[in-house]
Amino acid sequence: MNYESLWQLYPLAREQLVHVKTRSAKKLKGTECRVLEILIAQQGNVVSKKELFEKVWGQRIVSENSLTQCIAQLRVALGDSGKEQKFIKTVPSHGYMLFENVVELVEIEQVPSDNSAELSTEPFQIEAQPV
C-alpha cells in the first residue's frame, strides 16, 4: 500500500506534528515525540512496552502509567481515541502499534524554509577603525 501519510513529524520543530492536508500543527512533549518516533520506525509492527520504556525513559524509573498517558496524549493529537484505535493500536500485555501511513518522520533538511533569510557563506572582515 502506498498511501500518503496523514501527519508529518518534525522532531526538532517548535510544533512537531503537522497535518498534511490542513497544515495545522500541534506541539508534543519530548517523551510523546520520542515514543512517536519509535512507533514510526516500526510502523505496522507491535513495539513492546519494555522497548518503549528503555528507549524513551532509559534508566529513569517511571510508572507504567507514564507510557499509558503518553499514548493517550498522542491519540488526542492525532484525533484518535483509545476506544476507536484508528491510528495507534493497543496490543494487551504486549505494547503498541502505529498503523502504516499515519505519520511520516520528516528529516530536518526537508523542513520548509523561508529563502529570504539565507545565510552567507562568504568570509567577512572587520576593518580596524583609527582611534
N, C-alpha and C. Protein backbone atom coordinates (compact mmCIF):
# COMPACT_ATOMS: atom_id res chain seq x y z
N MET A 1 0.84 -1.19 0.00
CA MET A 1 0.00 0.00 0.00
C MET A 1 0.88 1.24 0.00
N ASN A 2 0.55 2.18 -0.84
CA ASN A 2 1.37 3.36 -0.94
C ASN A 2 0.52 4.61 -0.78
N TYR A 3 -0.13 4.72 0.37
CA TYR A 3 -0.97 5.88 0.64
C TYR A 3 -0.12 7.00 1.21
N GLU A 4 -0.57 8.22 1.00
CA GLU A 4 0.11 9.37 1.58
C GLU A 4 -0.21 9.43 3.06
N SER A 5 0.79 9.78 3.85
CA SER A 5 0.59 9.89 5.30
C SER A 5 -0.36 11.03 5.63
N LEU A 6 -1.06 10.89 6.76
CA LEU A 6 -1.97 11.94 7.22
C LEU A 6 -1.24 13.04 7.98
N TRP A 7 -0.16 12.65 8.67
CA TRP A 7 0.60 13.57 9.51
C TRP A 7 2.08 13.48 9.18
N GLN A 8 2.78 14.57 9.48
CA GLN A 8 4.24 14.57 9.37
C GLN A 8 4.79 14.97 10.74
N LEU A 9 5.89 14.31 11.14
CA LEU A 9 6.53 14.61 12.41
C LEU A 9 7.87 15.28 12.14
N TYR A 10 8.02 16.50 12.63
CA TYR A 10 9.27 17.26 12.57
C TYR A 10 9.81 17.32 13.99
N PRO A 11 10.62 16.35 14.42
CA PRO A 11 11.03 16.24 15.82
C PRO A 11 11.71 17.48 16.40
N LEU A 12 12.41 18.25 15.59
CA LEU A 12 13.15 19.40 16.11
C LEU A 12 12.40 20.73 15.96
N ALA A 13 11.22 20.69 15.39
CA ALA A 13 10.44 21.92 15.20
C ALA A 13 9.74 22.32 16.49
N ARG A 14 9.28 23.56 16.51
CA ARG A 14 8.56 24.06 17.69
C ARG A 14 7.22 23.34 17.83
N GLU A 15 6.51 23.19 16.72
CA GLU A 15 5.27 22.41 16.68
C GLU A 15 5.57 21.22 15.77
N GLN A 16 5.74 20.06 16.40
CA GLN A 16 6.30 18.92 15.70
C GLN A 16 5.35 18.16 14.79
N LEU A 17 4.08 18.12 15.11
CA LEU A 17 3.13 17.29 14.38
C LEU A 17 2.30 18.17 13.44
N VAL A 18 2.42 17.91 12.13
CA VAL A 18 1.75 18.74 11.13
C VAL A 18 0.83 17.88 10.29
N HIS A 19 -0.45 18.29 10.19
CA HIS A 19 -1.42 17.57 9.36
C HIS A 19 -1.12 17.91 7.90
N VAL A 20 -0.99 16.88 7.06
CA VAL A 20 -0.58 17.06 5.68
C VAL A 20 -1.53 17.95 4.89
N LYS A 21 -2.84 17.73 5.03
CA LYS A 21 -3.79 18.48 4.21
C LYS A 21 -4.13 19.86 4.76
N THR A 22 -4.38 19.95 6.06
CA THR A 22 -4.81 21.23 6.63
C THR A 22 -3.63 22.11 7.03
N ARG A 23 -2.43 21.52 7.13
CA ARG A 23 -1.20 22.19 7.59
C ARG A 23 -1.31 22.70 9.03
N SER A 24 -2.32 22.21 9.77
CA SER A 24 -2.42 22.57 11.18
C SER A 24 -1.32 21.85 11.94
N ALA A 25 -0.73 22.54 12.91
CA ALA A 25 0.41 21.98 13.64
C ALA A 25 0.09 21.85 15.12
N LYS A 26 0.68 20.83 15.74
CA LYS A 26 0.47 20.59 17.17
C LYS A 26 1.80 20.38 17.85
N LYS A 27 1.89 20.87 19.07
CA LYS A 27 3.10 20.73 19.86
C LYS A 27 3.01 19.45 20.69
N LEU A 28 4.11 18.70 20.74
CA LEU A 28 4.18 17.49 21.54
C LEU A 28 5.23 17.66 22.63
N LYS A 29 5.05 16.95 23.73
CA LYS A 29 6.07 16.92 24.77
C LYS A 29 7.21 16.05 24.26
N GLY A 30 8.38 16.19 24.87
CA GLY A 30 9.55 15.43 24.45
C GLY A 30 9.34 13.93 24.47
N THR A 31 8.72 13.43 25.54
CA THR A 31 8.50 11.98 25.63
C THR A 31 7.49 11.51 24.58
N GLU A 32 6.48 12.32 24.32
CA GLU A 32 5.49 11.96 23.30
C GLU A 32 6.14 11.89 21.92
N CYS A 33 6.99 12.86 21.65
CA CYS A 33 7.69 12.91 20.36
C CYS A 33 8.58 11.68 20.20
N ARG A 34 9.30 11.33 21.25
CA ARG A 34 10.21 10.18 21.19
C ARG A 34 9.44 8.86 21.01
N VAL A 35 8.34 8.70 21.74
CA VAL A 35 7.51 7.49 21.58
C VAL A 35 7.01 7.41 20.14
N LEU A 36 6.55 8.52 19.60
CA LEU A 36 6.03 8.52 18.23
C LEU A 36 7.13 8.19 17.23
N GLU A 37 8.33 8.71 17.45
CA GLU A 37 9.45 8.38 16.56
C GLU A 37 9.71 6.87 16.54
N ILE A 38 9.68 6.26 17.71
CA ILE A 38 9.92 4.81 17.82
C ILE A 38 8.81 4.03 17.12
N LEU A 39 7.56 4.46 17.32
CA LEU A 39 6.43 3.79 16.66
C LEU A 39 6.50 3.95 15.14
N ILE A 40 6.93 5.13 14.68
CA ILE A 40 7.07 5.36 13.23
C ILE A 40 8.13 4.43 12.65
N ALA A 41 9.25 4.29 13.36
CA ALA A 41 10.35 3.45 12.87
C ALA A 41 9.91 2.00 12.71
N GLN A 42 8.92 1.60 13.47
CA GLN A 42 8.46 0.21 13.41
C GLN A 42 6.98 0.11 13.04
N GLN A 43 6.48 1.10 12.28
CA GLN A 43 5.06 1.12 11.97
C GLN A 43 4.59 -0.17 11.33
N GLY A 44 3.41 -0.58 11.75
CA GLY A 44 2.85 -1.84 11.27
C GLY A 44 3.26 -3.03 12.13
N ASN A 45 4.18 -2.81 13.07
CA ASN A 45 4.65 -3.86 13.98
C ASN A 45 4.39 -3.43 15.42
N VAL A 46 4.20 -4.43 16.28
CA VAL A 46 4.00 -4.15 17.70
C VAL A 46 5.34 -3.80 18.33
N VAL A 47 5.36 -2.68 19.06
CA VAL A 47 6.55 -2.28 19.82
C VAL A 47 6.23 -2.58 21.28
N SER A 48 7.09 -3.36 21.91
CA SER A 48 6.82 -3.77 23.29
C SER A 48 6.92 -2.59 24.25
N LYS A 49 6.18 -2.69 25.33
CA LYS A 49 6.23 -1.67 26.37
C LYS A 49 7.65 -1.57 26.91
N LYS A 50 8.29 -2.71 27.07
CA LYS A 50 9.66 -2.74 27.59
C LYS A 50 10.60 -1.92 26.70
N GLU A 51 10.49 -2.11 25.39
CA GLU A 51 11.34 -1.37 24.45
C GLU A 51 11.06 0.13 24.54
N LEU A 52 9.79 0.49 24.62
CA LEU A 52 9.45 1.91 24.73
C LEU A 52 10.03 2.52 26.01
N PHE A 53 9.89 1.80 27.13
CA PHE A 53 10.45 2.31 28.39
C PHE A 53 11.96 2.49 28.29
N GLU A 54 12.65 1.49 27.71
CA GLU A 54 14.11 1.56 27.61
C GLU A 54 14.56 2.71 26.71
N LYS A 55 13.91 2.88 25.56
CA LYS A 55 14.35 3.89 24.60
C LYS A 55 13.91 5.30 24.95
N VAL A 56 12.81 5.44 25.67
CA VAL A 56 12.30 6.78 25.98
C VAL A 56 12.77 7.26 27.35
N TRP A 57 12.66 6.42 28.34
CA TRP A 57 13.00 6.84 29.70
C TRP A 57 14.36 6.33 30.18
N GLY A 58 14.94 5.37 29.45
CA GLY A 58 16.26 4.87 29.80
C GLY A 58 16.31 4.31 31.22
N GLN A 59 17.24 4.80 32.01
CA GLN A 59 17.43 4.30 33.37
C GLN A 59 16.48 4.95 34.39
N ARG A 60 15.74 5.99 33.96
CA ARG A 60 14.79 6.63 34.88
C ARG A 60 13.68 5.66 35.23
N ILE A 61 13.30 5.66 36.48
CA ILE A 61 12.22 4.79 36.93
C ILE A 61 10.92 5.58 36.85
N VAL A 62 10.01 5.10 36.02
CA VAL A 62 8.70 5.73 35.87
C VAL A 62 7.64 4.64 35.94
N SER A 63 6.44 5.03 36.27
CA SER A 63 5.35 4.05 36.36
C SER A 63 4.84 3.71 34.96
N GLU A 64 4.15 2.60 34.87
CA GLU A 64 3.56 2.20 33.59
C GLU A 64 2.53 3.23 33.13
N ASN A 65 1.98 3.95 34.08
CA ASN A 65 1.01 5.00 33.76
C ASN A 65 1.63 6.10 32.90
N SER A 66 2.95 6.32 33.03
CA SER A 66 3.62 7.34 32.22
C SER A 66 3.48 7.02 30.73
N LEU A 67 3.68 5.76 30.38
CA LEU A 67 3.54 5.34 28.99
C LEU A 67 2.08 5.39 28.55
N THR A 68 1.19 4.96 29.41
CA THR A 68 -0.25 4.99 29.09
C THR A 68 -0.70 6.42 28.80
N GLN A 69 -0.28 7.36 29.64
CA GLN A 69 -0.64 8.77 29.44
C GLN A 69 -0.02 9.34 28.17
N CYS A 70 1.20 8.94 27.90
CA CYS A 70 1.89 9.40 26.70
C CYS A 70 1.13 8.94 25.44
N ILE A 71 0.75 7.69 25.41
CA ILE A 71 -0.03 7.15 24.28
C ILE A 71 -1.37 7.87 24.17
N ALA A 72 -2.01 8.12 25.31
CA ALA A 72 -3.31 8.82 25.31
C ALA A 72 -3.16 10.21 24.71
N GLN A 73 -2.08 10.93 25.07
CA GLN A 73 -1.85 12.27 24.53
C GLN A 73 -1.55 12.23 23.03
N LEU A 74 -0.82 11.21 22.60
CA LEU A 74 -0.56 11.06 21.16
C LEU A 74 -1.86 10.81 20.41
N ARG A 75 -2.73 10.00 21.00
CA ARG A 75 -4.02 9.73 20.35
C ARG A 75 -4.83 11.01 20.22
N VAL A 76 -4.84 11.83 21.26
CA VAL A 76 -5.56 13.11 21.22
C VAL A 76 -4.99 13.98 20.10
N ALA A 77 -3.67 14.07 20.02
CA ALA A 77 -3.03 14.90 19.00
C ALA A 77 -3.35 14.42 17.59
N LEU A 78 -3.46 13.11 17.42
CA LEU A 78 -3.74 12.53 16.10
C LEU A 78 -5.23 12.47 15.77
N GLY A 79 -6.08 12.78 16.76
CA GLY A 79 -7.52 12.69 16.54
C GLY A 79 -8.02 11.26 16.65
N ASP A 80 -7.36 10.48 17.46
CA ASP A 80 -7.69 9.07 17.69
C ASP A 80 -8.24 8.95 19.10
N SER A 81 -8.70 7.78 19.45
CA SER A 81 -9.12 7.54 20.83
C SER A 81 -8.78 6.11 21.21
N GLY A 82 -8.73 5.85 22.50
CA GLY A 82 -8.45 4.50 22.97
C GLY A 82 -9.53 3.53 22.57
N LYS A 83 -10.73 4.05 22.38
CA LYS A 83 -11.86 3.20 22.01
C LYS A 83 -11.81 2.84 20.52
N GLU A 84 -11.58 3.85 19.67
CA GLU A 84 -11.57 3.61 18.22
C GLU A 84 -10.26 2.98 17.75
N GLN A 85 -9.14 3.46 18.26
CA GLN A 85 -7.81 2.99 17.88
C GLN A 85 -7.62 2.96 16.36
N LYS A 86 -7.89 4.09 15.70
CA LYS A 86 -7.75 4.20 14.25
C LYS A 86 -6.29 4.28 13.83
N PHE A 87 -5.43 4.83 14.68
CA PHE A 87 -4.04 5.06 14.31
C PHE A 87 -3.04 4.32 15.19
N ILE A 88 -3.30 4.29 16.49
CA ILE A 88 -2.42 3.58 17.42
C ILE A 88 -3.23 2.47 18.07
N LYS A 89 -2.78 1.24 17.88
CA LYS A 89 -3.49 0.09 18.44
C LYS A 89 -2.78 -0.39 19.70
N THR A 90 -3.56 -0.64 20.74
CA THR A 90 -3.03 -1.26 21.95
C THR A 90 -3.11 -2.77 21.79
N VAL A 91 -1.99 -3.43 22.00
CA VAL A 91 -1.96 -4.89 21.97
C VAL A 91 -1.79 -5.32 23.42
N PRO A 92 -2.90 -5.72 24.07
CA PRO A 92 -2.87 -6.02 25.51
C PRO A 92 -1.71 -6.92 25.92
N SER A 93 -1.07 -6.53 27.01
CA SER A 93 0.06 -7.25 27.61
C SER A 93 1.33 -7.27 26.75
N HIS A 94 1.30 -6.59 25.61
CA HIS A 94 2.48 -6.60 24.74
C HIS A 94 3.02 -5.19 24.49
N GLY A 95 2.21 -4.33 23.91
CA GLY A 95 2.70 -3.00 23.58
C GLY A 95 1.74 -2.24 22.69
N TYR A 96 2.31 -1.47 21.77
CA TYR A 96 1.52 -0.61 20.91
C TYR A 96 2.00 -0.71 19.47
N MET A 97 1.08 -0.44 18.54
CA MET A 97 1.41 -0.47 17.13
C MET A 97 0.82 0.76 16.45
N LEU A 98 1.66 1.44 15.68
CA LEU A 98 1.20 2.55 14.85
C LEU A 98 0.88 1.96 13.48
N PHE A 99 -0.34 2.19 13.01
CA PHE A 99 -0.71 1.69 11.69
C PHE A 99 0.14 2.38 10.63
N GLU A 100 0.36 1.71 9.53
CA GLU A 100 1.18 2.25 8.45
C GLU A 100 0.51 3.45 7.80
N ASN A 101 1.35 4.35 7.30
CA ASN A 101 0.92 5.54 6.56
C ASN A 101 0.06 6.50 7.37
N VAL A 102 0.32 6.57 8.66
CA VAL A 102 -0.38 7.54 9.50
C VAL A 102 0.51 8.75 9.72
N VAL A 103 1.73 8.50 10.16
CA VAL A 103 2.68 9.59 10.44
C VAL A 103 3.99 9.29 9.73
N GLU A 104 4.51 10.32 9.07
CA GLU A 104 5.79 10.21 8.37
C GLU A 104 6.81 11.06 9.12
N LEU A 105 7.98 10.49 9.39
CA LEU A 105 9.07 11.22 10.03
C LEU A 105 9.76 12.04 8.96
N VAL A 106 9.88 13.35 9.19
CA VAL A 106 10.49 14.23 8.21
C VAL A 106 11.84 14.68 8.75
N GLU A 107 12.86 14.48 7.95
CA GLU A 107 14.21 14.90 8.35
C GLU A 107 14.29 16.41 8.31
N ILE A 108 15.19 16.97 9.10
CA ILE A 108 15.29 18.42 9.25
C ILE A 108 15.59 19.12 7.92
N GLU A 109 16.29 18.47 6.99
CA GLU A 109 16.61 19.08 5.71
C GLU A 109 15.34 19.36 4.90
N GLN A 110 14.25 18.64 5.20
CA GLN A 110 13.03 18.80 4.43
C GLN A 110 12.08 19.83 5.03
N VAL A 111 12.48 20.44 6.14
CA VAL A 111 11.61 21.42 6.78
C VAL A 111 11.46 22.62 5.85
N PRO A 112 10.23 23.05 5.58
CA PRO A 112 10.04 24.21 4.70
C PRO A 112 10.76 25.42 5.28
N SER A 113 11.49 26.13 4.43
CA SER A 113 12.24 27.28 4.93
C SER A 113 11.89 28.53 4.13
N ASP A 114 12.19 29.66 4.71
CA ASP A 114 11.98 30.95 4.08
C ASP A 114 13.31 31.36 3.46
N ASN A 115 13.37 31.41 2.14
CA ASN A 115 14.63 31.70 1.45
C ASN A 115 15.09 33.13 1.64
N SER A 116 14.28 34.00 2.18
CA SER A 116 14.66 35.39 2.35
C SER A 116 15.71 35.57 3.44
N ALA A 117 15.93 34.56 4.25
CA ALA A 117 16.88 34.69 5.35
C ALA A 117 18.08 33.77 5.14
N GLU A 118 18.56 33.69 3.90
CA GLU A 118 19.69 32.81 3.62
C GLU A 118 20.94 33.34 4.29
N LEU A 119 21.74 32.42 4.80
CA LEU A 119 22.99 32.79 5.44
C LEU A 119 24.09 32.85 4.40
N SER A 120 24.96 33.83 4.52
CA SER A 120 26.07 33.95 3.62
C SER A 120 27.19 33.03 4.06
N THR A 121 27.84 32.41 3.09
CA THR A 121 28.98 31.56 3.42
C THR A 121 30.28 32.30 3.13
N GLU A 122 30.18 33.56 2.70
CA GLU A 122 31.36 34.37 2.42
C GLU A 122 32.03 34.79 3.72
N PRO A 123 33.37 34.73 3.78
CA PRO A 123 34.05 35.20 4.99
C PRO A 123 33.90 36.72 5.09
N PHE A 124 33.91 37.23 6.27
CA PHE A 124 33.78 38.67 6.45
C PHE A 124 34.99 39.17 7.23
N GLN A 125 35.29 40.45 7.02
CA GLN A 125 36.42 41.05 7.72
C GLN A 125 35.92 42.29 8.45
N ILE A 126 36.51 42.53 9.59
CA ILE A 126 36.18 43.74 10.35
C ILE A 126 37.33 44.71 10.16
N GLU A 127 36.98 45.89 9.69
CA GLU A 127 38.02 46.89 9.49
C GLU A 127 38.36 47.55 10.81
N ALA A 128 39.63 47.75 11.02
CA ALA A 128 40.08 48.44 12.25
C ALA A 128 39.86 49.93 12.06
N GLN A 129 39.23 50.55 13.00
CA GLN A 129 38.98 51.99 12.95
C GLN A 129 40.07 52.72 13.72
N PRO A 130 40.60 53.83 13.14
CA PRO A 130 41.61 54.58 13.87
C PRO A 130 41.01 55.19 15.13
N VAL A 131 41.81 55.23 16.19
CA VAL A 131 41.33 55.74 17.46
C VAL A 131 41.59 57.22 17.57
